[in-house]
Amino acid sequence: MTRRGAAARIAVLRSAVVVMACGASVVALPGSVAVAAPDVPAYAFADDVRRAEPATDTGDAVRLEPGSTYRSSLPHGTGTGTGSGDGTGADGKVYYRLELDAAATAYVSVTAIPRPGAALAVGDGIGVAVQNADGTSCSYDSATVGTSQSPRPITAWAAREIQPGRGLCQEAGTYYVVVEPVGTGSSGSGTGSGGSGDDTWDLEIAPVSEPPVAKGTSTNVPGTWNSATPAPPTGEAEPVHGGAGFTEAAAVAQGVWDDEIVPGQTLFYRVPVDWGRQLYASVEVGSGRKSSGFVVDALDLTLLNPVRAKVEEVGVGYGGTQKSAALAPAPPVRYANRYAPANPTKSLRFAGDHYLVVHLAAEVADAFGEGPYGLTLRVRLGGSAQPGPGYQGRAVPNGVFGKDSGIAAPTGAGLGDLKDRTRAASSADGDATMRAVAAAGFGTGTALLLVLGGWTLVGRRRAAASASAAGQIRVSAQNPTP
């Protein structure tokens, strides 16, 4: 079954469910299943996510454990007045706690999810810092929604890095993760002209621990690397379903991948990248129903490393005809890159799963139609695999930086089997969808339950196929044919 064929069948299913729901009482099912699917799928948090209550001061900060993923929240007002009015104190900051030794480097990424349909300004976003017990900042990063002003997940990160010759933040002890709203509504209580100031953003927090390396490991950043742009992969595209969050990111390798996207949606993919390899990627969006008008910064492609720190980003406008965006060439993944002065080199410091995140601005729907729009992802891996730095311990979570950080590369089928599984999963999804529609003949109330059960089955099949593919892709993806 083609991707568009599957999409059409799913559209029929959704319509059938809406009709049935209008004429029948709905039984509440576990998991908060939505009857009428939203236009944009909600962000997918980790299945084992833990709740972390945001604290208004360091004294009440809850402890974050590396390897766990946490769900929290951040009031992010839309007004321009002064004062808090949000339970976070006058500056709007919230706090979490880390207990660290003097050997491992700790990274904390924070993904903020603005409310769908929220009115945002260019500079609206979050800031993240790691501070020691004296209030000294070890590092700071911020992320904003950008010129598209389209609500989408945005990620900022901070770290306590153990580095030779660095004086600050090298001691064992208590450290704090500080998250703050930034932008026009960051300190508003709704008393200004901008809005109510009562807009809370969900947060996903992912702490990671990197073990030390042997003394004498080189800190010299290579000065030369192959900066030429290779030809993008060609050939028949293989179907893939981009995930709705980092933990649902679809595993892809070198090749051409076919998906679809609706305006306002963000899709997540992950590519295993070994030490010494270079990642090249581009994305194309198909034409709309009309070709008049123009949306600035409509299509966005972001590359993030295994700790979800941004490596680079590219955005392009859209005028209704097909459009592509390609990441600039970046150097090979090397441990010593962390000593570079700036990105993208500085963030290409780990082997492991790198994330490609694609967003299509919500404004595209108003100008060119609600879609879905065809999406093509092209991925190429250059360079050659090199030995890792020789970690003196295990990363947490285990294997986040590839086999060198505590997990052996799996054996088994390669990329060809991954493509077969992906194709089979797509076909199975379509068949399950049509069987669910046929269930309508058994009665409205019963059919609704069967349809919802069918959706659950489809989701499980996709998750199982993605998990199996992810395990099998790691070996073949490291050494593709250039």
Protein backbone atom coordinates (compact mmCIF):
# COMPACT_ATOMS: atom_id res chain seq x y z
CA MET A 1 0.00 0.00 0.00
CA THR A 2 1.29 3.51 -0.82
CA ARG A 3 1.74 6.14 1.87
CA ARG A 4 -1.09 8.25 0.43
CA GLY A 5 -3.34 5.21 0.21
CA ALA A 6 -2.79 4.53 3.90
CA ALA A 7 -3.46 8.18 4.69
CA ALA A 8 -6.73 8.08 2.77
CA ARG A 9 -7.91 5.00 4.65
CA ILE A 10 -7.05 6.56 7.99
CA ALA A 11 -9.01 9.67 6.98
CA VAL A 12 -12.03 7.44 6.23
CA LEU A 13 -11.66 5.78 9.63
CA ARG A 14 -11.54 9.12 11.45
CA SER A 15 -14.67 10.29 9.67
CA ALA A 16 -16.48 7.07 10.61
CA VAL A 17 -15.52 7.46 14.24
CA VAL A 18 -16.77 11.04 14.37
CA VAL A 19 -20.13 10.01 12.89
CA MET A 20 -20.52 7.14 15.35
CA ALA A 21 -19.51 9.32 18.29
CA CYS A 22 -22.23 11.81 17.48
CA GLY A 23 -24.93 9.17 17.82
CA ALA A 24 -23.74 7.07 20.72
CA SER A 25 -22.66 7.38 24.29
CA VAL A 26 -18.90 7.13 24.61
CA VAL A 27 -17.35 4.75 27.11
CA ALA A 28 -14.24 6.21 28.80
CA LEU A 29 -11.25 3.99 28.02
CA PRO A 30 -7.84 3.90 29.73
CA GLY A 31 -5.17 6.12 28.25
CA SER A 32 -7.36 9.13 27.41
CA VAL A 33 -8.13 8.01 23.87
CA ALA A 34 -9.43 10.86 21.72
CA VAL A 35 -12.41 10.04 19.51
CA ALA A 36 -12.03 12.88 17.05
CA ALA A 37 -8.29 13.01 16.32
CA PRO A 38 -6.78 16.51 16.56
CA ASP A 39 -5.34 18.16 13.48
CA VAL A 40 -1.85 17.99 14.99
CA PRO A 41 -0.82 14.95 17.06
CA ALA A 42 0.17 15.73 20.64
CA TYR A 43 3.80 15.48 21.72
CA ALA A 44 4.69 11.90 22.69
CA PHE A 45 6.35 11.70 26.09
CA ALA A 46 8.37 8.66 27.10
CA ASP A 47 6.24 5.68 28.16
CA ASP A 48 8.09 5.51 31.48
CA VAL A 49 8.13 9.27 32.06
CA ARG A 50 8.21 10.36 35.71
CA ARG A 51 6.53 13.42 37.16
CA ALA A 52 8.82 16.18 38.47
CA GLU A 53 7.01 19.03 40.20
CA PRO A 54 8.59 22.39 39.37
CA ALA A 55 9.91 24.16 42.46
CA THR A 56 9.82 27.91 42.99
CA ASP A 57 13.16 27.88 44.84
CA THR A 58 16.17 25.61 45.26
CA GLY A 59 15.07 24.46 48.72
CA ASP A 60 12.14 22.49 47.27
CA ALA A 61 13.86 21.32 44.08
CA VAL A 62 13.21 17.64 43.30
CA ARG A 63 16.14 15.43 42.37
CA LEU A 64 16.66 14.36 38.75
CA GLU A 65 18.36 11.01 38.09
CA PRO A 66 20.38 10.52 34.88
CA GLY A 67 18.76 7.91 32.68
CA SER A 68 15.21 8.81 33.69
CA THR A 69 12.91 11.09 31.71
CA TYR A 70 10.69 13.58 33.52
CA ARG A 71 7.53 15.48 32.73
CA SER A 72 7.04 18.88 34.30
CA SER A 73 5.59 22.29 33.42
CA LEU A 74 6.53 25.95 33.07
CA PRO A 75 4.03 28.82 33.24
CA HIS A 76 4.77 30.98 30.22
CA GLY A 77 2.59 34.09 30.25
CA THR A 78 1.42 35.78 27.10
CA GLY A 79 0.99 39.21 28.64
CA THR A 80 3.53 42.02 28.80
CA GLY A 81 2.79 43.33 32.27
CA THR A 82 4.89 42.80 35.41
CA GLY A 83 4.59 40.48 38.37
CA SER A 84 4.30 36.72 38.52
CA GLY A 85 0.70 35.62 38.84
CA ASP A 86 1.80 32.09 37.95
CA GLY A 87 3.09 30.44 41.11
CA THR A 88 6.71 30.53 40.03
CA GLY A 89 7.95 33.70 41.76
CA ALA A 90 8.68 37.08 40.26
CA ASP A 91 11.23 35.85 37.71
CA GLY A 92 9.21 32.87 36.46
CA LYS A 93 12.06 30.40 37.05
CA VAL A 94 11.59 26.80 38.18
CA TYR A 95 14.25 24.59 39.80
CA TYR A 96 15.34 20.94 39.83
CA ARG A 97 18.29 19.29 41.61
CA LEU A 98 21.24 17.13 40.56
CA GLU A 99 23.63 15.20 42.83
CA LEU A 100 26.92 14.81 40.93
CA ASP A 101 30.32 13.26 41.50
CA ALA A 102 33.61 14.80 40.39
CA ALA A 103 34.21 12.40 37.47
CA ALA A 104 31.20 12.23 35.12
CA THR A 105 29.86 15.01 32.91
CA ALA A 106 26.13 15.66 33.28
CA TYR A 107 23.87 16.95 30.50
CA VAL A 108 20.25 18.03 30.92
CA SER A 109 17.98 18.75 27.96
CA VAL A 110 14.61 20.43 28.40
CA THR A 111 12.00 20.21 25.66
CA ALA A 112 9.19 22.75 25.98
CA ILE A 113 5.85 22.15 24.29
CA PRO A 114 3.76 25.30 23.78
CA ARG A 115 0.00 24.86 23.80
CA PRO A 116 -1.39 24.15 20.28
CA GLY A 117 -2.89 27.31 18.86
CA ALA A 118 -0.99 29.57 21.25
CA ALA A 119 -0.23 33.06 19.96
CA LEU A 120 3.57 33.31 20.06
CA ALA A 121 6.16 35.95 19.28
CA VAL A 122 9.48 35.38 17.53
CA GLY A 123 11.47 35.48 20.78
CA ASP A 124 9.20 33.28 22.90
CA GLY A 125 10.96 30.23 24.29
CA ILE A 126 12.90 28.88 27.25
CA GLY A 127 16.30 29.26 28.88
CA VAL A 128 18.08 26.43 30.71
CA ALA A 129 21.06 26.65 33.06
CA VAL A 130 22.99 24.34 35.36
CA GLN A 131 24.24 26.17 38.46
CA ASN A 132 26.36 25.10 41.40
CA ALA A 133 25.39 25.58 45.05
CA ASP A 134 26.89 29.08 45.04
CA GLY A 135 24.64 30.20 42.18
CA THR A 136 27.44 30.19 39.61
CA SER A 137 26.28 29.19 36.13
CA CYS A 138 28.13 26.18 34.70
CA SER A 139 26.44 26.59 31.31
CA TYR A 140 23.36 28.16 29.74
CA ASP A 141 21.36 27.69 26.55
CA SER A 142 18.10 29.03 25.16
CA ALA A 143 15.69 28.13 22.38
CA THR A 144 12.85 30.08 20.78
CA VAL A 145 10.05 29.33 18.33
CA GLY A 146 11.68 31.62 15.75
CA THR A 147 10.27 33.63 12.90
CA SER A 148 7.57 31.10 12.04
CA GLN A 149 5.92 31.82 15.43
CA SER A 150 4.42 28.36 15.06
CA PRO A 151 3.82 26.38 18.28
CA ARG A 152 6.22 23.42 18.26
CA PRO A 153 8.48 21.52 20.65
CA ILE A 154 11.73 23.42 21.26
CA THR A 155 14.74 22.10 23.15
CA ALA A 156 17.47 23.83 25.15
CA TRP A 157 20.21 22.15 27.19
CA ALA A 158 22.83 22.80 29.82
CA ALA A 159 25.67 20.80 31.36
CA ARG A 160 28.15 20.38 34.18
CA GLU A 161 31.25 19.44 32.15
CA ILE A 162 34.38 17.90 33.60
CA GLN A 163 37.26 19.31 31.55
CA PRO A 164 41.02 19.60 32.14
CA GLY A 165 42.04 23.05 33.30
CA ARG A 166 38.51 24.26 33.89
CA GLY A 167 38.12 25.75 37.35
CA LEU A 168 34.36 26.17 37.78
CA CYS A 169 31.82 23.44 38.46
CA GLN A 170 34.35 20.61 38.76
CA GLU A 171 33.53 19.54 42.32
CA ALA A 172 31.21 16.81 43.51
CA GLY A 173 28.05 18.06 45.17
CA THR A 174 24.60 19.52 44.59
CA TYR A 175 23.81 21.36 41.38
CA TYR A 176 20.58 22.92 40.15
CA VAL A 177 18.80 22.91 36.80
CA VAL A 178 17.12 26.28 36.28
CA VAL A 179 14.44 26.66 33.61
CA GLU A 180 12.98 30.05 32.77
CA PRO A 181 10.56 31.45 30.19
CA VAL A 182 12.02 33.93 27.72
CA GLY A 183 10.32 36.29 25.30
CA THR A 184 7.55 38.84 25.39
CA GLY A 185 5.47 36.91 27.90
CA SER A 186 8.25 35.70 30.18
CA SER A 187 7.46 38.01 33.09
CA GLY A 188 3.87 38.94 32.37
CA SER A 189 0.91 38.42 34.69
CA GLY A 190 -1.64 39.41 32.09
CA THR A 191 -1.88 43.02 33.20
CA GLY A 192 -0.28 44.29 30.02
CA SER A 193 -1.78 44.42 26.56
CA GLY A 194 -0.43 41.11 25.29
CA GLY A 195 -2.86 38.62 26.79
CA SER A 196 -3.87 36.68 29.84
CA GLY A 197 -0.44 35.45 30.90
CA ASP A 198 -1.98 32.10 31.92
CA ASP A 199 -0.34 29.74 29.43
CA THR A 200 1.49 26.73 30.83
CA TRP A 201 3.99 24.81 28.68
CA ASP A 202 4.66 21.13 29.26
CA LEU A 203 8.30 20.16 29.73
CA GLU A 204 10.18 16.93 29.03
CA ILE A 205 13.48 16.78 30.94
CA ALA A 206 16.16 14.22 30.06
CA PRO A 207 19.35 14.10 32.20
CA VAL A 208 22.30 12.09 30.84
CA SER A 209 25.62 11.13 32.44
CA GLU A 210 28.81 10.74 30.38
CA PRO A 211 31.67 8.75 31.96
CA PRO A 212 35.24 10.06 31.98
CA VAL A 213 37.90 9.00 29.49
CA ALA A 214 41.47 7.93 30.09
CA LYS A 215 43.97 10.64 31.00
CA GLY A 216 45.89 11.87 28.00
CA THR A 217 42.94 11.70 25.60
CA SER A 218 43.54 14.33 22.92
CA THR A 219 41.86 17.70 23.26
CA ASN A 220 43.03 18.92 19.86
CA VAL A 221 40.19 19.68 17.45
CA PRO A 222 41.14 18.59 13.91
CA GLY A 223 41.54 21.65 11.73
CA THR A 224 40.60 20.07 8.41
CA TRP A 225 37.77 17.80 7.32
CA ASN A 226 35.82 17.08 4.15
CA SER A 227 33.46 20.05 3.84
CA ALA A 228 32.22 19.23 0.34
CA THR A 229 28.50 18.62 -0.09
CA PRO A 230 27.89 15.12 -1.49
CA ALA A 231 25.07 14.29 -3.87
CA PRO A 232 21.93 13.38 -1.94
CA PRO A 233 20.76 9.77 -2.09
CA THR A 234 18.39 8.91 -4.93
CA GLY A 235 16.21 5.95 -5.82
CA GLU A 236 12.87 4.65 -4.62
CA ALA A 237 11.79 6.08 -1.28
CA GLU A 238 10.93 3.73 1.56
CA PRO A 239 7.92 4.52 3.78
CA VAL A 240 8.51 5.71 7.33
CA HIS A 241 6.32 7.16 10.07
CA GLY A 242 8.04 10.02 11.89
CA GLY A 243 7.51 10.01 15.65
CA ALA A 244 5.77 12.66 17.74
CA GLY A 245 8.63 12.98 20.22
CA PHE A 246 12.22 11.98 20.91
CA THR A 247 11.34 8.60 22.40
CA GLU A 248 9.12 7.82 19.40
CA ALA A 249 11.66 8.98 16.82
CA ALA A 250 11.60 6.71 13.78
CA ALA A 251 14.90 4.95 13.04
CA VAL A 252 16.30 5.75 9.58
CA ALA A 253 19.61 5.05 7.87
CA GLN A 254 21.26 6.17 4.64
CA GLY A 255 18.66 6.37 1.90
CA VAL A 256 15.46 8.10 0.81
CA TRP A 257 12.46 8.02 3.14
CA ASP A 258 8.84 8.88 2.40
CA ASP A 259 6.44 10.36 4.97
CA GLU A 260 3.71 12.97 5.22
CA ILE A 261 3.11 15.98 7.44
CA VAL A 262 0.32 18.42 8.24
CA PRO A 263 0.82 22.11 9.04
CA GLY A 264 1.75 22.63 12.68
CA GLN A 265 3.14 19.11 13.01
CA THR A 266 6.64 18.16 14.18
CA LEU A 267 8.17 14.82 13.19
CA PHE A 268 11.15 13.12 14.86
CA TYR A 269 13.65 10.72 13.25
CA ARG A 270 16.89 9.24 14.58
CA VAL A 271 20.05 8.21 12.76
CA PRO A 272 22.82 6.16 14.43
CA VAL A 273 26.16 7.88 13.76
CA ASP A 274 29.47 6.24 14.72
CA TRP A 275 32.71 7.96 15.71
CA GLY A 276 34.38 9.40 12.59
CA ARG A 277 31.20 9.52 10.50
CA GLN A 278 29.56 12.59 8.94
CA LEU A 279 25.81 13.03 8.69
CA TYR A 280 24.19 14.80 5.74
CA ALA A 281 20.44 15.34 5.57
CA SER A 282 17.82 17.23 3.60
CA VAL A 283 14.04 17.34 3.62
CA GLU A 284 11.52 18.15 0.87
CA VAL A 285 7.86 19.09 1.22
CA GLY A 286 5.42 18.59 -1.65
CA SER A 287 3.21 21.10 -3.40
CA GLY A 288 -0.04 22.42 -1.95
CA ARG A 289 -3.49 22.85 -3.46
CA LYS A 290 -2.61 26.33 -4.65
CA SER A 291 0.59 28.22 -5.33
CA SER A 292 -0.22 31.83 -4.50
CA GLY A 293 1.14 33.56 -1.42
CA PHE A 294 4.21 32.86 0.68
CA VAL A 295 4.96 31.70 4.24
CA VAL A 296 8.30 32.77 5.69
CA ASP A 297 10.23 30.05 7.55
CA ALA A 298 7.61 27.42 6.77
CA LEU A 299 9.77 24.29 6.71
CA ASP A 300 12.32 23.72 9.45
CA LEU A 301 14.93 20.95 9.79
CA THR A 302 16.97 20.64 12.99
CA LEU A 303 19.80 18.26 13.85
CA LEU A 304 20.33 17.38 17.53
CA ASN A 305 22.96 15.15 19.11
CA PRO A 306 22.36 12.18 21.47
CA VAL A 307 21.81 14.43 24.50
CA ARG A 308 19.29 16.48 22.44
CA ALA A 309 21.59 19.49 22.08
CA LYS A 310 21.14 21.38 18.82
CA VAL A 311 23.90 20.93 16.25
CA GLU A 312 22.48 23.02 13.43
CA GLU A 313 19.19 24.14 11.92
CA VAL A 314 17.89 25.31 8.57
CA GLY A 315 14.56 26.89 7.62
CA VAL A 316 13.04 27.83 4.26
CA GLY A 317 9.92 29.63 3.08
CA TYR A 318 7.08 28.01 1.18
CA GLY A 319 5.07 29.33 -1.75
CA GLY A 320 2.81 26.38 -2.48
CA THR A 321 5.23 24.51 -4.74
CA GLN A 322 7.65 21.79 -3.63
CA LYS A 323 10.51 23.07 -1.50
CA SER A 324 13.64 21.56 0.07
CA ALA A 325 15.94 22.41 2.97
CA ALA A 326 19.40 20.90 3.50
CA LEU A 327 21.72 21.00 6.49
CA ALA A 328 25.14 22.53 5.85
CA PRO A 329 28.02 20.03 5.80
CA ALA A 330 29.36 19.38 9.29
CA PRO A 331 32.55 17.71 10.52
CA PRO A 332 32.84 14.07 11.57
CA VAL A 333 31.78 13.03 15.06
CA ARG A 334 34.83 13.18 17.35
CA TYR A 335 35.28 13.29 21.12
CA ALA A 336 37.66 16.26 20.81
CA ASN A 337 35.02 18.36 19.04
CA ARG A 338 33.75 19.45 22.47
CA TYR A 339 36.79 21.71 22.69
CA ALA A 340 35.82 23.61 19.54
CA PRO A 341 34.71 27.23 20.06
CA ALA A 342 31.29 26.96 18.42
CA ASN A 343 28.66 24.81 16.73
CA PRO A 344 28.17 22.75 14.70
CA THR A 345 31.57 21.25 15.55
CA LYS A 346 31.22 21.68 19.33
CA SER A 347 28.04 19.59 19.55
CA LEU A 348 29.27 16.75 17.33
CA ARG A 349 31.04 15.25 20.33
CA PHE A 350 29.29 11.87 20.72
CA ALA A 351 28.57 8.76 18.73
CA GLY A 352 25.02 7.45 19.04
CA ASP A 353 21.55 8.33 17.80
CA HIS A 354 21.35 11.81 16.29
CA TYR A 355 17.90 13.33 15.82
CA LEU A 356 16.42 14.95 12.72
CA VAL A 357 13.40 17.05 13.65
CA VAL A 358 11.10 18.41 10.93
CA HIS A 359 8.43 21.07 11.48
CA LEU A 360 5.90 22.51 9.03
CA ALA A 361 4.53 25.88 10.20
CA ALA A 362 0.85 26.05 11.13
CA GLU A 363 0.42 29.11 8.90
CA VAL A 364 0.84 26.89 5.83
CA ALA A 365 -2.70 25.57 6.38
CA ASP A 366 -4.24 29.03 6.06
CA ALA A 367 -2.34 29.82 2.88
CA PHE A 368 -2.21 26.52 1.03
CA GLY A 369 -4.55 24.01 2.64
CA GLU A 370 -4.56 21.60 5.55
CA GLY A 371 -2.74 18.81 3.71
CA PRO A 372 -1.36 16.29 4.42
CA TYR A 373 1.74 17.21 2.43
CA GLY A 374 4.21 14.71 1.06
CA LEU A 375 7.54 14.71 2.89
CA THR A 376 10.82 13.22 1.63
CA LEU A 377 13.82 12.79 3.90
CA ARG A 378 17.25 12.12 2.37
CA VAL A 379 20.05 10.85 4.61
CA ARG A 380 23.69 10.14 3.78
CA LEU A 381 26.59 9.08 5.98
CA GLY A 382 30.15 9.95 5.00
CA GLY A 383 33.57 9.36 6.48
CA SER A 384 34.75 6.11 8.04
CA ALA A 385 34.13 4.59 11.45
CA GLN A 386 36.87 5.25 14.00
CA PRO A 387 37.58 3.88 17.50
CA GLY A 388 35.84 5.67 20.35
CA PRO A 389 37.64 7.57 23.10
CA GLY A 390 37.66 4.64 25.49
CA TYR A 391 35.19 5.57 28.21
CA GLN A 392 36.21 4.60 31.74
CA GLY A 393 32.74 3.53 32.77
CA ARG A 394 29.19 3.31 31.45
CA ALA A 395 27.00 6.11 30.22
CA VAL A 396 23.57 6.61 31.77
CA PRO A 397 21.29 5.70 30.09
CA ASN A 398 23.29 2.69 29.00
CA GLY A 399 24.64 2.88 25.46
CA VAL A 400 23.42 6.41 24.70
CA PHE A 401 26.82 7.16 23.12
CA GLY A 402 27.01 3.95 21.11
CA LYS A 403 28.72 0.65 21.78
CA ASP A 404 31.80 2.36 23.26
CA SER A 405 29.69 3.71 26.14
CA GLY A 406 28.50 0.42 27.54
CA ILE A 407 26.44 -1.59 25.07
CA ALA A 408 27.47 -3.97 22.31
CA ALA A 409 26.31 -3.41 18.77
CA PRO A 410 23.44 -5.82 17.98
CA THR A 411 23.78 -8.51 15.36
CA GLY A 412 21.19 -9.64 12.88
CA ALA A 413 19.54 -8.35 9.75
CA GLY A 414 20.65 -5.16 8.07
CA LEU A 415 19.03 -2.25 6.29
CA GLY A 416 17.27 -4.42 3.73
CA ASP A 417 15.37 -6.22 6.47
CA LEU A 418 14.54 -2.87 8.07
CA LYS A 419 12.94 -1.72 4.82
CA ASP A 420 10.97 -4.97 4.52
CA ARG A 421 9.68 -4.59 8.06
CA THR A 422 8.74 -0.95 7.47
CA ARG A 423 6.84 -1.87 4.31
CA ALA A 424 5.07 -4.74 6.06
CA ALA A 425 4.12 -2.53 9.00
CA SER A 426 2.65 0.08 6.64
CA SER A 427 0.54 -2.58 4.91
CA ALA A 428 -0.60 -4.01 8.23
CA ASP A 429 -1.65 -0.54 9.42
CA GLY A 430 -3.82 -0.06 6.36
CA ASP A 431 -5.47 -3.47 6.66
CA ALA A 432 -6.21 -2.94 10.34
CA THR A 433 -7.73 0.45 9.54
CA MET A 434 -10.18 -0.94 6.99
CA ARG A 435 -11.17 -3.79 9.28
CA ALA A 436 -11.99 -1.21 11.92
CA VAL A 437 -14.22 0.69 9.48
CA ALA A 438 -16.04 -2.53 8.56
CA ALA A 439 -16.88 -3.01 12.22
CA ALA A 440 -19.44 -0.19 11.93
CA GLY A 441 -22.02 -2.73 10.72
CA PHE A 442 -22.17 -4.38 14.15
CA GLY A 443 -23.79 -1.41 15.85
CA THR A 444 -22.73 2.10 16.73
CA GLY A 445 -21.63 1.67 20.33
CA THR A 446 -19.85 -1.65 19.79
CA ALA A 447 -18.18 -0.40 16.64
CA LEU A 448 -16.77 2.60 18.42
CA LEU A 449 -15.05 0.36 20.95
CA LEU A 450 -13.71 -1.87 18.17
CA VAL A 451 -12.40 1.11 16.25
CA LEU A 452 -10.61 2.47 19.29
CA GLY A 453 -9.16 -0.95 19.94
CA GLY A 454 -8.02 -1.06 16.32
CA TRP A 455 -6.22 2.23 16.76
CA THR A 456 -4.47 0.85 19.84
CA LEU A 457 -3.44 -2.24 17.86
CA VAL A 458 -2.07 -0.11 15.04
CA GLY A 459 -0.09 2.00 17.49
CA ARG A 460 1.37 -1.10 19.11
CA ARG A 461 2.30 -2.58 15.75
CA ARG A 462 4.04 0.63 14.76
CA ALA A 463 5.86 0.84 18.07
CA ALA A 464 6.93 -2.80 17.83
CA ALA A 465 8.11 -2.40 14.24
CA SER A 466 10.02 0.77 15.14
CA ALA A 467 11.66 -0.85 18.15
CA SER A 468 12.69 -3.92 16.16
CA ALA A 469 13.97 -1.80 13.30
CA ALA A 470 15.90 0.42 15.69
CA GLY A 471 17.73 -2.55 17.09
CA GLN A 472 18.65 -3.88 13.66
CA ILE A 473 19.63 -0.64 12.03
CA ARG A 474 22.62 0.15 14.23
CA VAL A 475 25.10 -2.20 12.55
CA SER A 476 24.17 -1.59 8.93
CA ALA A 477 23.80 2.16 9.32
CA GLN A 478 27.37 2.64 10.47
CA ASN A 479 28.96 1.42 7.24
CA PRO A 480 26.67 2.23 4.28
CA THR A 481 27.88 2.52 0.74
CA PRO A 482 28.86 6.18 0.22
